[in-house]
Amino acid sequence: MKVVDLITAGIEAYENGKYDEAKRILTECAEAGDPEAMMNLGLGYDGEILEGGGGFGADAGNAFFWYKKAAENGFDDALIPLYVCYDEGIGTKVNPDKAKELKKKLKTAD
């Protein structure tokens, strides 16, 4: 099965409340280096930034970790939640310099 198909299967499992299955699939893809899977893992752990997140158990540290990995691997959609993490200290220490840097990236990512 292609990685894209696996990610789709992971997202569908999440949307159907099959969180263990979703987490297993997305983790496998993320550990293989897929940034979309990394972003979706962040969403699964996110109980603070986005509504509907946290299906894997609200864990701000893991949400931050996966958002950061996704952004580092070129997944621009991860920049917004990563910015919020640095700006508000969610899953990491407040870092105004990093938040400012990400805000600049967001303006050029469009």
C-alpha atoms as a PDB file:
ATOM      1  CA  MET A   1       0.000   0.000   0.000  1.00  0.00           C
ATOM      2  CA  LYS A   2       1.276   3.482  -0.893  1.00  0.00           C
ATOM      3  CA  VAL A   3       2.070   5.940   1.896  1.00  0.00           C
ATOM      4  CA  VAL A   4      -0.689   8.276   0.642  1.00  0.00           C
ATOM      5  CA  ASP A   5      -3.202   5.434   0.952  1.00  0.00           C
ATOM      6  CA  LEU A   6      -1.926   4.597   4.428  1.00  0.00           C
ATOM      7  CA  ILE A   7      -2.270   8.202   5.563  1.00  0.00           C
ATOM      8  CA  THR A   8      -5.807   8.319   4.171  1.00  0.00           C
ATOM      9  CA  ALA A   9      -6.585   5.090   6.039  1.00  0.00           C
ATOM     10  CA  GLY A  10      -5.136   6.611   9.222  1.00  0.00           C
ATOM     11  CA  ILE A  11      -7.207   9.769   8.864  1.00  0.00           C
ATOM     12  CA  GLU A  12     -10.352   7.748   8.187  1.00  0.00           C
ATOM     13  CA  ALA A  13      -9.674   5.569  11.231  1.00  0.00           C
ATOM     14  CA  TYR A  14      -9.285   8.745  13.332  1.00  0.00           C
ATOM     15  CA  GLU A  15     -12.502  10.253  11.998  1.00  0.00           C
ATOM     16  CA  ASN A  16     -14.319   6.993  12.838  1.00  0.00           C
ATOM     17  CA  GLY A  17     -13.021   7.038  16.419  1.00  0.00           C
ATOM     18  CA  LYS A  18     -10.549   4.185  15.871  1.00  0.00           C
ATOM     19  CA  TYR A  19      -7.769   6.097  17.563  1.00  0.00           C
ATOM     20  CA  ASP A  20      -5.423   3.192  18.284  1.00  0.00           C
ATOM     21  CA  GLU A  21      -5.503   2.107  14.643  1.00  0.00           C
ATOM     22  CA  ALA A  22      -5.054   5.685  13.424  1.00  0.00           C
ATOM     23  CA  LYS A  23      -2.143   6.278  15.764  1.00  0.00           C
ATOM     24  CA  ARG A  24      -0.439   3.055  14.668  1.00  0.00           C
ATOM     25  CA  ILE A  25      -0.803   3.829  10.956  1.00  0.00           C
ATOM     26  CA  LEU A  26       0.180   7.491  11.202  1.00  0.00           C
ATOM     27  CA  THR A  27       3.140   6.743  13.466  1.00  0.00           C
ATOM     28  CA  GLU A  28       4.432   4.183  10.970  1.00  0.00           C
ATOM     29  CA  CYS A  29       4.188   6.724   8.144  1.00  0.00           C
ATOM     30  CA  ALA A  30       5.673   9.562  10.214  1.00  0.00           C
ATOM     31  CA  GLU A  31       8.611   7.448  11.325  1.00  0.00           C
ATOM     32  CA  ALA A  32       9.187   6.637   7.644  1.00  0.00           C
ATOM     33  CA  GLY A  33       9.535  10.403   7.086  1.00  0.00           C
ATOM     34  CA  ASP A  34       6.140  11.500   5.795  1.00  0.00           C
ATOM     35  CA  PRO A  35       5.408  15.093   6.922  1.00  0.00           C
ATOM     36  CA  GLU A  36       1.628  14.850   6.356  1.00  0.00           C
ATOM     37  CA  ALA A  37       1.508  11.920   8.766  1.00  0.00           C
ATOM     38  CA  MET A  38       3.595  13.958  11.225  1.00  0.00           C
ATOM     39  CA  MET A  39       1.088  16.806  11.023  1.00  0.00           C
ATOM     40  CA  ASN A  40      -1.836  14.444  11.569  1.00  0.00           C
ATOM     41  CA  LEU A  41      -0.130  12.898  14.593  1.00  0.00           C
ATOM     42  CA  GLY A  42       0.214  16.410  15.992  1.00  0.00           C
ATOM     43  CA  LEU A  43      -3.507  16.920  15.477  1.00  0.00           C
ATOM     44  CA  GLY A  44      -4.263  13.621  17.185  1.00  0.00           C
ATOM     45  CA  TYR A  45      -2.377  14.685  20.299  1.00  0.00           C
ATOM     46  CA  ASP A  46      -3.555  18.303  20.224  1.00  0.00           C
ATOM     47  CA  GLY A  47      -6.142  18.969  22.887  1.00  0.00           C
ATOM     48  CA  GLU A  48      -5.507  22.700  23.208  1.00  0.00           C
ATOM     49  CA  ILE A  49      -5.082  24.445  19.864  1.00  0.00           C
ATOM     50  CA  LEU A  50      -7.591  22.858  17.514  1.00  0.00           C
ATOM     51  CA  GLU A  51     -11.137  21.705  18.206  1.00  0.00           C
ATOM     52  CA  GLY A  52     -11.601  18.009  17.649  1.00  0.00           C
ATOM     53  CA  GLY A  53      -7.969  17.185  18.352  1.00  0.00           C
ATOM     54  CA  GLY A  54      -6.660  15.080  21.154  1.00  0.00           C
ATOM     55  CA  GLY A  55      -8.159  11.751  20.101  1.00  0.00           C
ATOM     56  CA  PHE A  56      -4.879  10.075  21.040  1.00  0.00           C
ATOM     57  CA  GLY A  57      -5.119  11.658  24.488  1.00  0.00           C
ATOM     58  CA  ALA A  58      -4.358  15.350  24.899  1.00  0.00           C
ATOM     59  CA  ASP A  59      -0.580  15.555  25.045  1.00  0.00           C
ATOM     60  CA  ALA A  60       0.801  19.002  24.264  1.00  0.00           C
ATOM     61  CA  GLY A  61       4.407  17.768  24.231  1.00  0.00           C
ATOM     62  CA  ASN A  62       3.703  15.168  21.560  1.00  0.00           C
ATOM     63  CA  ALA A  63       1.559  17.596  19.564  1.00  0.00           C
ATOM     64  CA  PHE A  64       4.417  20.116  19.576  1.00  0.00           C
ATOM     65  CA  PHE A  65       6.972  17.418  18.673  1.00  0.00           C
ATOM     66  CA  TRP A  66       5.027  16.259  15.611  1.00  0.00           C
ATOM     67  CA  TYR A  67       4.096  19.772  14.457  1.00  0.00           C
ATOM     68  CA  LYS A  68       7.772  20.711  14.635  1.00  0.00           C
ATOM     69  CA  LYS A  69       8.860  17.593  12.731  1.00  0.00           C
ATOM     70  CA  ALA A  70       6.233  18.241  10.031  1.00  0.00           C
ATOM     71  CA  ALA A  71       7.333  21.868   9.637  1.00  0.00           C
ATOM     72  CA  GLU A  72      11.015  20.874   9.516  1.00  0.00           C
ATOM     73  CA  ASN A  73      10.119  18.481   6.714  1.00  0.00           C
ATOM     74  CA  GLY A  74       8.435  21.167   4.629  1.00  0.00           C
ATOM     75  CA  PHE A  75       4.777  20.711   5.576  1.00  0.00           C
ATOM     76  CA  ASP A  76       3.703  24.356   5.705  1.00  0.00           C
ATOM     77  CA  ASP A  77       0.294  23.594   7.266  1.00  0.00           C
ATOM     78  CA  ALA A  78       2.191  22.766  10.456  1.00  0.00           C
ATOM     79  CA  LEU A  79       3.516  26.325  10.758  1.00  0.00           C
ATOM     80  CA  ILE A  80       0.306  27.735  12.263  1.00  0.00           C
ATOM     81  CA  PRO A  81      -0.058  25.294  15.173  1.00  0.00           C
ATOM     82  CA  LEU A  82       3.718  25.376  15.695  1.00  0.00           C
ATOM     83  CA  TYR A  83       3.564  29.178  15.895  1.00  0.00           C
ATOM     84  CA  VAL A  84       0.784  28.919  18.503  1.00  0.00           C
ATOM     85  CA  CYS A  85       2.854  26.430  20.508  1.00  0.00           C
ATOM     86  CA  TYR A  86       5.805  28.814  20.674  1.00  0.00           C
ATOM     87  CA  ASP A  87       3.645  31.903  21.186  1.00  0.00           C
ATOM     88  CA  GLU A  88       1.559  30.433  24.022  1.00  0.00           C
ATOM     89  CA  GLY A  89       3.959  27.885  25.467  1.00  0.00           C
ATOM     90  CA  ILE A  90       1.938  24.829  24.496  1.00  0.00           C
ATOM     91  CA  GLY A  91       4.108  21.727  24.709  1.00  0.00           C
ATOM     92  CA  THR A  92       7.225  23.880  24.927  1.00  0.00           C
ATOM     93  CA  LYS A  93       8.456  27.037  26.609  1.00  0.00           C
ATOM     94  CA  VAL A  94       7.189  30.358  25.327  1.00  0.00           C
ATOM     95  CA  ASN A  95       9.676  31.528  22.715  1.00  0.00           C
ATOM     96  CA  PRO A  96       8.803  34.952  21.264  1.00  0.00           C
ATOM     97  CA  ASP A  97      11.791  34.897  18.886  1.00  0.00           C
ATOM     98  CA  LYS A  98      10.796  31.552  17.383  1.00  0.00           C
ATOM     99  CA  ALA A  99       7.152  32.667  17.192  1.00  0.00           C
ATOM    100  CA  LYS A 100       8.213  35.831  15.346  1.00  0.00           C
ATOM    101  CA  GLU A 101      10.352  33.783  12.942  1.00  0.00           C
ATOM    102  CA  LEU A 102       7.428  31.469  12.215  1.00  0.00           C
ATOM    103  CA  LYS A 103       5.084  34.420  11.699  1.00  0.00           C
ATOM    104  CA  LYS A 104       7.424  35.680   8.979  1.00  0.00           C
ATOM    105  CA  LYS A 105       7.485  32.224   7.379  1.00  0.00           C
ATOM    106  CA  LEU A 106       3.700  32.120   7.437  1.00  0.00           C
ATOM    107  CA  LYS A 107       3.517  35.359   5.462  1.00  0.00           C
ATOM    108  CA  THR A 108       5.751  33.907   2.740  1.00  0.00           C
ATOM    109  CA  ALA A 109       4.257  30.383   2.754  1.00  0.00           C
ATOM    110  CA  ASP A 110       1.147  31.462   0.853  1.00  0.00           C
END
